[in-house]
Amino acid sequence: MANIRDLKKDINYVLGDIIEAVYIYELANSGTDMKKSEAIIDEAIEIFDDLIPKVSERKVENRAAHLKGVRKELEERANKLVDKLNKL
């Protein structure tokens, strides 16, 4: 069960760090339009809301493979968010 707890923490920390980076960007660039940065925050929240139930899913055939897939999905989606943030 520690693996599940760690995965949930990783999801929370990774997406939280991205949101924090967006807030720092917004503070540093207060004169610009914030719609794109707010969209990144909204997307991070959607990813969180999507991944946490997947971690808690118990009716899967191979639990370990399922959790690895969730971890991989987190990595891919977080990288896309970071790319969007870097383009701002």
PDB file of N, CA and C in Angstrom:
ATOM      1  N   MET A   1       0.810  -1.200   0.000  1.00  0.00           N
ATOM      2  CA  MET A   1       0.000   0.000   0.000  1.00  0.00           C
ATOM      3  C   MET A   1       0.855   1.267   0.000  1.00  0.00           C
ATOM      4  N   ALA A   2       2.084   1.167   0.425  1.00  0.00           N
ATOM      5  CA  ALA A   2       2.941   2.352   0.435  1.00  0.00           C
ATOM      6  C   ALA A   2       3.138   2.883  -0.976  1.00  0.00           C
ATOM      7  N   ASN A   3       3.150   2.006  -1.969  1.00  0.00           N
ATOM      8  CA  ASN A   3       3.314   2.422  -3.349  1.00  0.00           C
ATOM      9  C   ASN A   3       2.156   3.316  -3.792  1.00  0.00           C
ATOM     10  N   ILE A   4       0.953   2.979  -3.393  1.00  0.00           N
ATOM     11  CA  ILE A   4      -0.225   3.767  -3.737  1.00  0.00           C
ATOM     12  C   ILE A   4      -0.151   5.122  -3.049  1.00  0.00           C
ATOM     13  N   ARG A   5       0.213   5.132  -1.805  1.00  0.00           N
ATOM     14  CA  ARG A   5       0.342   6.384  -1.054  1.00  0.00           C
ATOM     15  C   ARG A   5       1.405   7.274  -1.693  1.00  0.00           C
ATOM     16  N   ASP A   6       2.525   6.686  -2.076  1.00  0.00           N
ATOM     17  CA  ASP A   6       3.597   7.456  -2.713  1.00  0.00           C
ATOM     18  C   ASP A   6       3.158   8.012  -4.062  1.00  0.00           C
ATOM     19  N   LEU A   7       2.416   7.231  -4.812  1.00  0.00           N
ATOM     20  CA  LEU A   7       1.937   7.690  -6.114  1.00  0.00           C
ATOM     21  C   LEU A   7       0.973   8.861  -5.943  1.00  0.00           C
ATOM     22  N   LYS A   8       0.083   8.765  -4.982  1.00  0.00           N
ATOM     23  CA  LYS A   8      -0.834   9.878  -4.716  1.00  0.00           C
ATOM     24  C   LYS A   8      -0.069  11.132  -4.302  1.00  0.00           C
ATOM     25  N   LYS A   9       0.962  10.960  -3.483  1.00  0.00           N
ATOM     26  CA  LYS A   9       1.789  12.104  -3.084  1.00  0.00           C
ATOM     27  C   LYS A   9       2.520  12.684  -4.290  1.00  0.00           C
ATOM     28  N   ASP A  10       3.037  11.819  -5.140  1.00  0.00           N
ATOM     29  CA  ASP A  10       3.734  12.293  -6.344  1.00  0.00           C
ATOM     30  C   ASP A  10       2.803  13.112  -7.230  1.00  0.00           C
ATOM     31  N   ILE A  11       1.597  12.632  -7.408  1.00  0.00           N
ATOM     32  CA  ILE A  11       0.622  13.372  -8.217  1.00  0.00           C
ATOM     33  C   ILE A  11       0.384  14.743  -7.599  1.00  0.00           C
ATOM     34  N   ASN A  12       0.173  14.761  -6.305  1.00  0.00           N
ATOM     35  CA  ASN A  12      -0.090  16.012  -5.606  1.00  0.00           C
ATOM     36  C   ASN A  12       1.106  16.959  -5.697  1.00  0.00           C
ATOM     37  N   TYR A  13       2.306  16.466  -5.440  1.00  0.00           N
ATOM     38  CA  TYR A  13       3.496  17.319  -5.441  1.00  0.00           C
ATOM     39  C   TYR A  13       3.830  17.827  -6.842  1.00  0.00           C
ATOM     40  N   VAL A  14       3.785  16.966  -7.838  1.00  0.00           N
ATOM     41  CA  VAL A  14       4.150  17.364  -9.203  1.00  0.00           C
ATOM     42  C   VAL A  14       3.192  18.434  -9.712  1.00  0.00           C
ATOM     43  N   LEU A  15       1.904  18.178  -9.587  1.00  0.00           N
ATOM     44  CA  LEU A  15       0.931  19.144 -10.085  1.00  0.00           C
ATOM     45  C   LEU A  15       0.919  20.407  -9.224  1.00  0.00           C
ATOM     46  N   GLY A  16       1.147  20.257  -7.939  1.00  0.00           N
ATOM     47  CA  GLY A  16       1.250  21.420  -7.059  1.00  0.00           C
ATOM     48  C   GLY A  16       2.434  22.300  -7.420  1.00  0.00           C
ATOM     49  N   ASP A  17       3.556  21.682  -7.752  1.00  0.00           N
ATOM     50  CA  ASP A  17       4.738  22.445  -8.160  1.00  0.00           C
ATOM     51  C   ASP A  17       4.495  23.191  -9.467  1.00  0.00           C
ATOM     52  N   ILE A  18       3.779  22.569 -10.385  1.00  0.00           N
ATOM     53  CA  ILE A  18       3.455  23.242 -11.652  1.00  0.00           C
ATOM     54  C   ILE A  18       2.552  24.442 -11.390  1.00  0.00           C
ATOM     55  N   ILE A  19       1.556  24.256 -10.556  1.00  0.00           N
ATOM     56  CA  ILE A  19       0.655  25.370 -10.222  1.00  0.00           C
ATOM     57  C   ILE A  19       1.434  26.489  -9.532  1.00  0.00           C
ATOM     58  N   GLU A  20       2.331  26.135  -8.635  1.00  0.00           N
ATOM     59  CA  GLU A  20       3.154  27.137  -7.959  1.00  0.00           C
ATOM     60  C   GLU A  20       4.024  27.894  -8.959  1.00  0.00           C
ATOM     61  N   ALA A  21       4.579  27.203  -9.941  1.00  0.00           N
ATOM     62  CA  ALA A  21       5.390  27.856 -10.972  1.00  0.00           C
ATOM     63  C   ALA A  21       4.547  28.822 -11.796  1.00  0.00           C
ATOM     64  N   VAL A  22       3.301  28.470 -12.054  1.00  0.00           N
ATOM     65  CA  VAL A  22       2.404  29.369 -12.788  1.00  0.00           C
ATOM     66  C   VAL A  22       2.132  30.616 -11.958  1.00  0.00           C
ATOM     67  N   TYR A  23       1.912  30.454 -10.661  1.00  0.00           N
ATOM     68  CA  TYR A  23       1.690  31.617  -9.797  1.00  0.00           C
ATOM     69  C   TYR A  23       2.916  32.529  -9.772  1.00  0.00           C
ATOM     70  N   ILE A  24       4.081  31.952  -9.751  1.00  0.00           N
ATOM     71  CA  ILE A  24       5.310  32.752  -9.780  1.00  0.00           C
ATOM     72  C   ILE A  24       5.406  33.512 -11.101  1.00  0.00           C
ATOM     73  N   TYR A  25       5.069  32.839 -12.188  1.00  0.00           N
ATOM     74  CA  TYR A  25       5.046  33.502 -13.495  1.00  0.00           C
ATOM     75  C   TYR A  25       4.072  34.676 -13.471  1.00  0.00           C
ATOM     76  N   GLU A  26       2.892  34.460 -12.919  1.00  0.00           N
ATOM     77  CA  GLU A  26       1.884  35.517 -12.875  1.00  0.00           C
ATOM     78  C   GLU A  26       2.353  36.701 -12.038  1.00  0.00           C
ATOM     79  N   LEU A  27       3.036  36.432 -10.935  1.00  0.00           N
ATOM     80  CA  LEU A  27       3.552  37.522 -10.108  1.00  0.00           C
ATOM     81  C   LEU A  27       4.642  38.304 -10.829  1.00  0.00           C
ATOM     82  N   ALA A  28       5.471  37.596 -11.559  1.00  0.00           N
ATOM     83  CA  ALA A  28       6.576  38.250 -12.257  1.00  0.00           C
ATOM     84  C   ALA A  28       6.100  39.024 -13.484  1.00  0.00           C
ATOM     85  N   ASN A  29       4.979  38.613 -14.052  1.00  0.00           N
ATOM     86  CA  ASN A  29       4.458  39.233 -15.268  1.00  0.00           C
ATOM     87  C   ASN A  29       3.045  39.752 -15.037  1.00  0.00           C
ATOM     88  N   SER A  30       2.881  40.592 -14.046  1.00  0.00           N
ATOM     89  CA  SER A  30       1.544  41.024 -13.650  1.00  0.00           C
ATOM     90  C   SER A  30       0.851  41.894 -14.700  1.00  0.00           C
ATOM     91  N   GLY A  31       1.591  42.461 -15.647  1.00  0.00           N
ATOM     92  CA  GLY A  31       0.978  43.323 -16.645  1.00  0.00           C
ATOM     93  C   GLY A  31       0.457  42.592 -17.865  1.00  0.00           C
ATOM     94  N   THR A  32       0.646  41.280 -17.929  1.00  0.00           N
ATOM     95  CA  THR A  32       0.237  40.523 -19.120  1.00  0.00           C
ATOM     96  C   THR A  32      -1.119  39.846 -18.902  1.00  0.00           C
ATOM     97  N   ASP A  33      -1.680  39.341 -19.985  1.00  0.00           N
ATOM     98  CA  ASP A  33      -2.947  38.622 -19.933  1.00  0.00           C
ATOM     99  C   ASP A  33      -2.730  37.263 -19.269  1.00  0.00           C
ATOM    100  N   MET A  34      -3.551  36.944 -18.310  1.00  0.00           N
ATOM    101  CA  MET A  34      -3.362  35.730 -17.515  1.00  0.00           C
ATOM    102  C   MET A  34      -4.240  34.561 -17.953  1.00  0.00           C
ATOM    103  N   LYS A  35      -4.924  34.678 -19.074  1.00  0.00           N
ATOM    104  CA  LYS A  35      -5.839  33.604 -19.492  1.00  0.00           C
ATOM    105  C   LYS A  35      -5.099  32.298 -19.778  1.00  0.00           C
ATOM    106  N   LYS A  36      -3.940  32.402 -20.410  1.00  0.00           N
ATOM    107  CA  LYS A  36      -3.179  31.186 -20.725  1.00  0.00           C
ATOM    108  C   LYS A  36      -2.646  30.529 -19.462  1.00  0.00           C
ATOM    109  N   SER A  37      -2.160  31.328 -18.536  1.00  0.00           N
ATOM    110  CA  SER A  37      -1.628  30.749 -17.302  1.00  0.00           C
ATOM    111  C   SER A  37      -2.749  30.158 -16.449  1.00  0.00           C
ATOM    112  N   GLU A  38      -3.897  30.812 -16.441  1.00  0.00           N
ATOM    113  CA  GLU A  38      -5.040  30.268 -15.705  1.00  0.00           C
ATOM    114  C   GLU A  38      -5.520  28.960 -16.327  1.00  0.00           C
ATOM    115  N   ALA A  39      -5.396  28.850 -17.647  1.00  0.00           N
ATOM    116  CA  ALA A  39      -5.779  27.607 -18.328  1.00  0.00           C
ATOM    117  C   ALA A  39      -4.851  26.469 -17.922  1.00  0.00           C
ATOM    118  N   ILE A  40      -3.576  26.771 -17.709  1.00  0.00           N
ATOM    119  CA  ILE A  40      -2.628  25.743 -17.258  1.00  0.00           C
ATOM    120  C   ILE A  40      -3.006  25.261 -15.864  1.00  0.00           C
ATOM    121  N   ILE A  41      -3.373  26.182 -14.994  1.00  0.00           N
ATOM    122  CA  ILE A  41      -3.799  25.804 -13.638  1.00  0.00           C
ATOM    123  C   ILE A  41      -5.052  24.933 -13.701  1.00  0.00           C
ATOM    124  N   ASP A  42      -6.007  25.339 -14.514  1.00  0.00           N
ATOM    125  CA  ASP A  42      -7.240  24.553 -14.656  1.00  0.00           C
ATOM    126  C   ASP A  42      -6.945  23.150 -15.183  1.00  0.00           C
ATOM    127  N   GLU A  43      -6.031  23.067 -16.137  1.00  0.00           N
ATOM    128  CA  GLU A  43      -5.675  21.764 -16.697  1.00  0.00           C
ATOM    129  C   GLU A  43      -4.975  20.887 -15.652  1.00  0.00           C
ATOM    130  N   ALA A  44      -4.130  21.500 -14.824  1.00  0.00           N
ATOM    131  CA  ALA A  44      -3.454  20.746 -13.762  1.00  0.00           C
ATOM    132  C   ALA A  44      -4.470  20.180 -12.778  1.00  0.00           C
ATOM    133  N   ILE A  45      -5.477  20.965 -12.458  1.00  0.00           N
ATOM    134  CA  ILE A  45      -6.526  20.496 -11.547  1.00  0.00           C
ATOM    135  C   ILE A  45      -7.329  19.364 -12.186  1.00  0.00           C
ATOM    136  N   GLU A  46      -7.605  19.488 -13.481  1.00  0.00           N
ATOM    137  CA  GLU A  46      -8.319  18.426 -14.189  1.00  0.00           C
ATOM    138  C   GLU A  46      -7.506  17.134 -14.203  1.00  0.00           C
ATOM    139  N   ILE A  47      -6.210  17.250 -14.414  1.00  0.00           N
ATOM    140  CA  ILE A  47      -5.337  16.071 -14.414  1.00  0.00           C
ATOM    141  C   ILE A  47      -5.366  15.412 -13.038  1.00  0.00           C
ATOM    142  N   PHE A  48      -5.277  16.224 -11.990  1.00  0.00           N
ATOM    143  CA  PHE A  48      -5.339  15.697 -10.627  1.00  0.00           C
ATOM    144  C   PHE A  48      -6.651  14.944 -10.415  1.00  0.00           C
ATOM    145  N   ASP A  49      -7.755  15.579 -10.806  1.00  0.00           N
ATOM    146  CA  ASP A  49      -9.074  14.961 -10.633  1.00  0.00           C
ATOM    147  C   ASP A  49      -9.234  13.695 -11.466  1.00  0.00           C
ATOM    148  N   ASP A  50      -8.476  13.587 -12.534  1.00  0.00           N
ATOM    149  CA  ASP A  50      -8.535  12.413 -13.398  1.00  0.00           C
ATOM    150  C   ASP A  50      -7.669  11.264 -12.870  1.00  0.00           C
ATOM    151  N   LEU A  51      -6.498  11.593 -12.338  1.00  0.00           N
ATOM    152  CA  LEU A  51      -5.538  10.551 -11.947  1.00  0.00           C
ATOM    153  C   LEU A  51      -5.813   9.932 -10.577  1.00  0.00           C
ATOM    154  N   ILE A  52      -6.260  10.712  -9.622  1.00  0.00           N
ATOM    155  CA  ILE A  52      -6.480  10.179  -8.263  1.00  0.00           C
ATOM    156  C   ILE A  52      -7.495   9.030  -8.266  1.00  0.00           C
ATOM    157  N   PRO A  53      -8.635   9.153  -8.959  1.00  0.00           N
ATOM    158  CA  PRO A  53      -9.547   7.988  -8.989  1.00  0.00           C
ATOM    159  C   PRO A  53      -8.934   6.766  -9.680  1.00  0.00           C
ATOM    160  N   LYS A  54      -8.067   6.996 -10.660  1.00  0.00           N
ATOM    161  CA  LYS A  54      -7.416   5.867 -11.327  1.00  0.00           C
ATOM    162  C   LYS A  54      -6.505   5.119 -10.357  1.00  0.00           C
ATOM    163  N   VAL A  55      -5.843   5.842  -9.462  1.00  0.00           N
ATOM    164  CA  VAL A  55      -4.975   5.199  -8.469  1.00  0.00           C
ATOM    165  C   VAL A  55      -5.814   4.371  -7.507  1.00  0.00           C
ATOM    166  N   SER A  56      -6.979   4.869  -7.162  1.00  0.00           N
ATOM    167  CA  SER A  56      -7.834   4.192  -6.180  1.00  0.00           C
ATOM    168  C   SER A  56      -8.628   3.037  -6.772  1.00  0.00           C
ATOM    169  N   GLU A  57      -8.600   2.890  -8.078  1.00  0.00           N
ATOM    170  CA  GLU A  57      -9.338   1.820  -8.737  1.00  0.00           C
ATOM    171  C   GLU A  57      -8.828   0.456  -8.277  1.00  0.00           C
ATOM    172  N   ARG A  58      -9.722  -0.392  -7.830  1.00  0.00           N
ATOM    173  CA  ARG A  58      -9.322  -1.706  -7.311  1.00  0.00           C
ATOM    174  C   ARG A  58      -9.657  -2.845  -8.277  1.00  0.00           C
ATOM    175  N   LYS A  59     -10.592  -2.631  -9.147  1.00  0.00           N
ATOM    176  CA  LYS A  59     -11.045  -3.702 -10.030  1.00  0.00           C
ATOM    177  C   LYS A  59     -10.278  -3.679 -11.341  1.00  0.00           C
ATOM    178  N   VAL A  60      -8.980  -3.876 -11.242  1.00  0.00           N
ATOM    179  CA  VAL A  60      -8.133  -3.969 -12.431  1.00  0.00           C
ATOM    180  C   VAL A  60      -7.460  -5.330 -12.413  1.00  0.00           C
ATOM    181  N   GLU A  61      -7.133  -5.822 -13.579  1.00  0.00           N
ATOM    182  CA  GLU A  61      -6.573  -7.166 -13.678  1.00  0.00           C
ATOM    183  C   GLU A  61      -5.172  -7.247 -13.065  1.00  0.00           C
ATOM    184  N   ASN A  62      -4.301  -6.350 -13.458  1.00  0.00           N
ATOM    185  CA  ASN A  62      -2.928  -6.341 -12.947  1.00  0.00           C
ATOM    186  C   ASN A  62      -2.678  -4.987 -12.289  1.00  0.00           C
ATOM    187  N   ARG A  63      -2.777  -4.963 -10.983  1.00  0.00           N
ATOM    188  CA  ARG A  63      -2.698  -3.698 -10.216  1.00  0.00           C
ATOM    189  C   ARG A  63      -1.355  -3.007 -10.403  1.00  0.00           C
ATOM    190  N   ALA A  64      -0.273  -3.741 -10.383  1.00  0.00           N
ATOM    191  CA  ALA A  64       1.060  -3.144 -10.511  1.00  0.00           C
ATOM    192  C   ALA A  64       1.232  -2.492 -11.879  1.00  0.00           C
ATOM    193  N   ALA A  65       0.796  -3.153 -12.925  1.00  0.00           N
ATOM    194  CA  ALA A  65       0.894  -2.595 -14.269  1.00  0.00           C
ATOM    195  C   ALA A  65      -0.007  -1.367 -14.403  1.00  0.00           C
ATOM    196  N   HIS A  66      -1.165  -1.438 -13.775  1.00  0.00           N
ATOM    197  CA  HIS A  66      -2.091  -0.301 -13.806  1.00  0.00           C
ATOM    198  C   HIS A  66      -1.459   0.930 -13.149  1.00  0.00           C
ATOM    199  N   LEU A  67      -0.837   0.735 -11.996  1.00  0.00           N
ATOM    200  CA  LEU A  67      -0.211   1.862 -11.289  1.00  0.00           C
ATOM    201  C   LEU A  67       0.979   2.412 -12.061  1.00  0.00           C
ATOM    202  N   LYS A  68       1.729   1.541 -12.722  1.00  0.00           N
ATOM    203  CA  LYS A  68       2.834   2.014 -13.571  1.00  0.00           C
ATOM    204  C   LYS A  68       2.290   2.859 -14.716  1.00  0.00           C
ATOM    205  N   GLY A  69       1.169   2.446 -15.258  1.00  0.00           N
ATOM    206  CA  GLY A  69       0.538   3.218 -16.322  1.00  0.00           C
ATOM    207  C   GLY A  69       0.083   4.585 -15.850  1.00  0.00           C
ATOM    208  N   VAL A  70      -0.452   4.640 -14.637  1.00  0.00           N
ATOM    209  CA  VAL A  70      -0.878   5.922 -14.065  1.00  0.00           C
ATOM    210  C   VAL A  70       0.338   6.818 -13.853  1.00  0.00           C
ATOM    211  N   ARG A  71       1.419   6.250 -13.358  1.00  0.00           N
ATOM    212  CA  ARG A  71       2.647   7.026 -13.142  1.00  0.00           C
ATOM    213  C   ARG A  71       3.188   7.571 -14.471  1.00  0.00           C
ATOM    214  N   LYS A  72       3.139   6.740 -15.503  1.00  0.00           N
ATOM    215  CA  LYS A  72       3.608   7.166 -16.819  1.00  0.00           C
ATOM    216  C   LYS A  72       2.708   8.274 -17.374  1.00  0.00           C
ATOM    217  N   GLU A  73       1.413   8.126 -17.191  1.00  0.00           N
ATOM    218  CA  GLU A  73       0.467   9.150 -17.643  1.00  0.00           C
ATOM    219  C   GLU A  73       0.715  10.470 -16.917  1.00  0.00           C
ATOM    220  N   LEU A  74       0.988  10.399 -15.623  1.00  0.00           N
ATOM    221  CA  LEU A  74       1.320  11.605 -14.860  1.00  0.00           C
ATOM    222  C   LEU A  74       2.535  12.289 -15.463  1.00  0.00           C
ATOM    223  N   GLU A  75       3.573  11.511 -15.734  1.00  0.00           N
ATOM    224  CA  GLU A  75       4.801  12.074 -16.281  1.00  0.00           C
ATOM    225  C   GLU A  75       4.550  12.749 -17.631  1.00  0.00           C
ATOM    226  N   GLU A  76       3.815  12.084 -18.503  1.00  0.00           N
ATOM    227  CA  GLU A  76       3.552  12.627 -19.835  1.00  0.00           C
ATOM    228  C   GLU A  76       2.725  13.908 -19.769  1.00  0.00           C
ATOM    229  N   ARG A  77       1.665  13.869 -18.982  1.00  0.00           N
ATOM    230  CA  ARG A  77       0.774  15.028 -18.899  1.00  0.00           C
ATOM    231  C   ARG A  77       1.444  16.192 -18.175  1.00  0.00           C
ATOM    232  N   ALA A  78       2.249  15.904 -17.161  1.00  0.00           N
ATOM    233  CA  ALA A  78       2.969  16.962 -16.459  1.00  0.00           C
ATOM    234  C   ALA A  78       4.005  17.606 -17.374  1.00  0.00           C
ATOM    235  N   ASN A  79       4.681  16.808 -18.184  1.00  0.00           N
ATOM    236  CA  ASN A  79       5.657  17.357 -19.127  1.00  0.00           C
ATOM    237  C   ASN A  79       4.981  18.290 -20.129  1.00  0.00           C
ATOM    238  N   LYS A  80       3.781  17.943 -20.569  1.00  0.00           N
ATOM    239  CA  LYS A  80       3.045  18.809 -21.490  1.00  0.00           C
ATOM    240  C   LYS A  80       2.693  20.139 -20.824  1.00  0.00           C
ATOM    241  N   LEU A  81       2.309  20.070 -19.546  1.00  0.00           N
ATOM    242  CA  LEU A  81       2.005  21.306 -18.825  1.00  0.00           C
ATOM    243  C   LEU A  81       3.250  22.178 -18.674  1.00  0.00           C
ATOM    244  N   VAL A  82       4.367  21.561 -18.369  1.00  0.00           N
ATOM    245  CA  VAL A  82       5.611  22.309 -18.224  1.00  0.00           C
ATOM    246  C   VAL A  82       5.998  22.946 -19.556  1.00  0.00           C
ATOM    247  N   ASP A  83       5.802  22.238 -20.645  1.00  0.00           N
ATOM    248  CA  ASP A  83       6.078  22.810 -21.965  1.00  0.00           C
ATOM    249  C   ASP A  83       5.206  24.020 -22.227  1.00  0.00           C
ATOM    250  N   LYS A  84       3.920  23.932 -21.877  1.00  0.00           N
ATOM    251  CA  LYS A  84       3.024  25.066 -22.053  1.00  0.00           C
ATOM    252  C   LYS A  84       3.472  26.249 -21.189  1.00  0.00           C
ATOM    253  N   LEU A  85       3.886  25.953 -19.962  1.00  0.00           N
ATOM    254  CA  LEU A  85       4.363  27.005 -19.074  1.00  0.00           C
ATOM    255  C   LEU A  85       5.612  27.661 -19.623  1.00  0.00           C
ATOM    256  N   ASN A  86       6.515  26.882 -20.166  1.00  0.00           N
ATOM    257  CA  ASN A  86       7.757  27.418 -20.726  1.00  0.00           C
ATOM    258  C   ASN A  86       7.497  28.288 -21.946  1.00  0.00           C
ATOM    259  N   LYS A  87       6.412  28.014 -22.673  1.00  0.00           N
ATOM    260  CA  LYS A  87       6.083  28.815 -23.853  1.00  0.00           C
ATOM    261  C   LYS A  87       5.472  30.165 -23.498  1.00  0.00           C
ATOM    262  N   LEU A  88       5.030  30.306 -22.262  1.00  0.00           N
ATOM    263  CA  LEU A  88       4.477  31.592 -21.852  1.00  0.00           C
ATOM    264  C   LEU A  88       5.601  32.578 -21.825  1.00  0.00           C
TER     265      LEU A  88
END
